[in-house]
Amino acid sequence: PDVTAFDLALSSAERSLEAGELDKAFGLVMRALERDSKAPRAWDLRARWAAAAGERDEEVYARHKELRLMEVQKAPAAAVKAKREALLALDPVAK
């Protein structure tokens, strides 16, 4: 399969996040989202960046967005359920 600019931005963001380079990771996550704003993988990474950066509101927002996209895109039920439960743990008022 061809590697897209989206895939490259996401994998670079993942590496930057793992290395603790939060500013660089954020820029790369945003670049990935500019290329595909409906990709749950990108929203997952944005949420993980937010958790690492201590940005709780941003983390909750990204997790809500990720869950909605997974539901709309008909992700496997078990994956959606797991994400919903994780979101409820993070944001108890989420429905």
C-alpha atoms as a PDB file:
ATOM      1  CA  PRO A   1       0.000   0.000   0.000  1.00  0.00           C
ATOM      2  CA  ASP A   2       1.074   3.533  -0.734  1.00  0.00           C
ATOM      3  CA  VAL A   3       2.175   5.679   2.169  1.00  0.00           C
ATOM      4  CA  THR A   4       0.294   8.969   2.170  1.00  0.00           C
ATOM      5  CA  ALA A   5       1.236  12.369   3.554  1.00  0.00           C
ATOM      6  CA  PHE A   6      -1.388  11.682   6.230  1.00  0.00           C
ATOM      7  CA  ASP A   7       0.338   8.431   7.240  1.00  0.00           C
ATOM      8  CA  LEU A   8       3.727  10.137   7.326  1.00  0.00           C
ATOM      9  CA  ALA A   9       2.446  12.998   9.498  1.00  0.00           C
ATOM     10  CA  LEU A  10       0.749  10.562  11.869  1.00  0.00           C
ATOM     11  CA  SER A  11       3.763   8.287  12.250  1.00  0.00           C
ATOM     12  CA  SER A  12       6.072  11.286  12.749  1.00  0.00           C
ATOM     13  CA  ALA A  13       3.688  12.682  15.358  1.00  0.00           C
ATOM     14  CA  GLU A  14       3.642   9.312  17.129  1.00  0.00           C
ATOM     15  CA  ARG A  15       7.454   9.221  17.269  1.00  0.00           C
ATOM     16  CA  SER A  16       7.629  12.818  18.495  1.00  0.00           C
ATOM     17  CA  LEU A  17       5.066  12.118  21.205  1.00  0.00           C
ATOM     18  CA  GLU A  18       6.965   9.031  22.359  1.00  0.00           C
ATOM     19  CA  ALA A  19      10.154  11.133  22.478  1.00  0.00           C
ATOM     20  CA  GLY A  20       8.416  13.766  24.607  1.00  0.00           C
ATOM     21  CA  GLU A  21       8.659  16.419  21.875  1.00  0.00           C
ATOM     22  CA  LEU A  22       5.187  17.783  22.551  1.00  0.00           C
ATOM     23  CA  ASP A  23       5.366  20.950  20.437  1.00  0.00           C
ATOM     24  CA  LYS A  24       6.602  19.028  17.403  1.00  0.00           C
ATOM     25  CA  ALA A  25       4.048  16.255  17.975  1.00  0.00           C
ATOM     26  CA  PHE A  26       1.190  18.769  18.150  1.00  0.00           C
ATOM     27  CA  GLY A  27       2.188  20.385  14.867  1.00  0.00           C
ATOM     28  CA  LEU A  28       2.354  16.991  13.167  1.00  0.00           C
ATOM     29  CA  VAL A  29      -0.994  15.880  14.611  1.00  0.00           C
ATOM     30  CA  MET A  30      -2.573  19.077  13.322  1.00  0.00           C
ATOM     31  CA  ARG A  31      -1.008  18.483   9.908  1.00  0.00           C
ATOM     32  CA  ALA A  32      -2.498  14.984   9.845  1.00  0.00           C
ATOM     33  CA  LEU A  33      -5.917  16.346  10.840  1.00  0.00           C
ATOM     34  CA  GLU A  34      -5.709  18.961   8.071  1.00  0.00           C
ATOM     35  CA  ARG A  35      -5.270  16.099   5.603  1.00  0.00           C
ATOM     36  CA  ASP A  36      -8.024  13.917   7.092  1.00  0.00           C
ATOM     37  CA  SER A  37     -10.173  15.463   9.812  1.00  0.00           C
ATOM     38  CA  LYS A  38     -12.392  12.377   9.919  1.00  0.00           C
ATOM     39  CA  ALA A  39      -9.671   9.909  10.881  1.00  0.00           C
ATOM     40  CA  PRO A  40     -10.248   8.432  14.349  1.00  0.00           C
ATOM     41  CA  ARG A  41      -6.536   7.499  14.510  1.00  0.00           C
ATOM     42  CA  ALA A  42      -5.574  11.153  14.274  1.00  0.00           C
ATOM     43  CA  TRP A  43      -8.062  12.153  16.980  1.00  0.00           C
ATOM     44  CA  ASP A  44      -6.716   9.354  19.199  1.00  0.00           C
ATOM     45  CA  LEU A  45      -3.222  10.746  18.793  1.00  0.00           C
ATOM     46  CA  ARG A  46      -4.459  14.286  19.490  1.00  0.00           C
ATOM     47  CA  ALA A  47      -6.056  13.000  22.704  1.00  0.00           C
ATOM     48  CA  ARG A  48      -2.851  11.228  23.722  1.00  0.00           C
ATOM     49  CA  TRP A  49      -0.883  14.414  23.010  1.00  0.00           C
ATOM     50  CA  ALA A  50      -3.327  16.374  25.176  1.00  0.00           C
ATOM     51  CA  ALA A  51      -2.968  13.869  28.020  1.00  0.00           C
ATOM     52  CA  ALA A  52       0.824  14.148  27.834  1.00  0.00           C
ATOM     53  CA  ALA A  53       0.587  17.957  27.756  1.00  0.00           C
ATOM     54  CA  GLY A  54      -1.810  18.069  30.710  1.00  0.00           C
ATOM     55  CA  GLU A  55      -4.555  19.575  28.527  1.00  0.00           C
ATOM     56  CA  ARG A  56      -7.580  17.789  29.962  1.00  0.00           C
ATOM     57  CA  ASP A  57     -10.255  19.791  28.111  1.00  0.00           C
ATOM     58  CA  GLU A  58      -8.470  19.147  24.826  1.00  0.00           C
ATOM     59  CA  GLU A  59      -8.177  15.447  25.658  1.00  0.00           C
ATOM     60  CA  VAL A  60     -11.914  15.182  26.398  1.00  0.00           C
ATOM     61  CA  TYR A  61     -12.770  17.059  23.194  1.00  0.00           C
ATOM     62  CA  ALA A  62     -10.543  14.816  21.073  1.00  0.00           C
ATOM     63  CA  ARG A  63     -11.944  11.644  22.663  1.00  0.00           C
ATOM     64  CA  HIS A  64     -15.521  12.795  21.975  1.00  0.00           C
ATOM     65  CA  LYS A  65     -14.593  13.534  18.361  1.00  0.00           C
ATOM     66  CA  GLU A  66     -12.850  10.171  17.982  1.00  0.00           C
ATOM     67  CA  LEU A  67     -15.846   8.276  19.383  1.00  0.00           C
ATOM     68  CA  ARG A  68     -18.353  10.090  17.153  1.00  0.00           C
ATOM     69  CA  LEU A  69     -16.274   9.334  14.074  1.00  0.00           C
ATOM     70  CA  MET A  70     -15.898   5.678  15.031  1.00  0.00           C
ATOM     71  CA  GLU A  71     -19.687   5.405  15.421  1.00  0.00           C
ATOM     72  CA  VAL A  72     -20.422   7.107  12.100  1.00  0.00           C
ATOM     73  CA  GLN A  73     -17.791   5.052  10.293  1.00  0.00           C
ATOM     74  CA  LYS A  74     -19.226   1.829  11.716  1.00  0.00           C
ATOM     75  CA  ALA A  75     -16.100   0.751  13.592  1.00  0.00           C
ATOM     76  CA  PRO A  76     -16.330  -2.700  15.233  1.00  0.00           C
ATOM     77  CA  ALA A  77     -18.813  -2.634  18.120  1.00  0.00           C
ATOM     78  CA  ALA A  78     -16.247  -3.851  20.639  1.00  0.00           C
ATOM     79  CA  ALA A  79     -13.851  -1.033  19.722  1.00  0.00           C
ATOM     80  CA  VAL A  80     -16.626   1.569  19.992  1.00  0.00           C
ATOM     81  CA  LYS A  81     -17.721   0.169  23.356  1.00  0.00           C
ATOM     82  CA  ALA A  82     -14.153   0.265  24.690  1.00  0.00           C
ATOM     83  CA  LYS A  83     -13.701   3.877  23.540  1.00  0.00           C
ATOM     84  CA  ARG A  84     -17.068   4.863  25.056  1.00  0.00           C
ATOM     85  CA  GLU A  85     -16.125   3.310  28.412  1.00  0.00           C
ATOM     86  CA  ALA A  86     -12.738   5.030  28.367  1.00  0.00           C
ATOM     87  CA  LEU A  87     -14.439   8.349  27.569  1.00  0.00           C
ATOM     88  CA  LEU A  88     -16.934   7.905  30.417  1.00  0.00           C
ATOM     89  CA  ALA A  89     -14.028   7.314  32.788  1.00  0.00           C
ATOM     90  CA  LEU A  90     -12.419  10.545  31.563  1.00  0.00           C
ATOM     91  CA  ASP A  91     -15.648  12.558  31.290  1.00  0.00           C
ATOM     92  CA  PRO A  92     -18.370  11.104  33.541  1.00  0.00           C
ATOM     93  CA  VAL A  93     -21.062  13.411  32.136  1.00  0.00           C
ATOM     94  CA  ALA A  94     -20.502  12.105  28.582  1.00  0.00           C
ATOM     95  CA  LYS A  95     -23.527  10.312  27.184  1.00  0.00           C
END
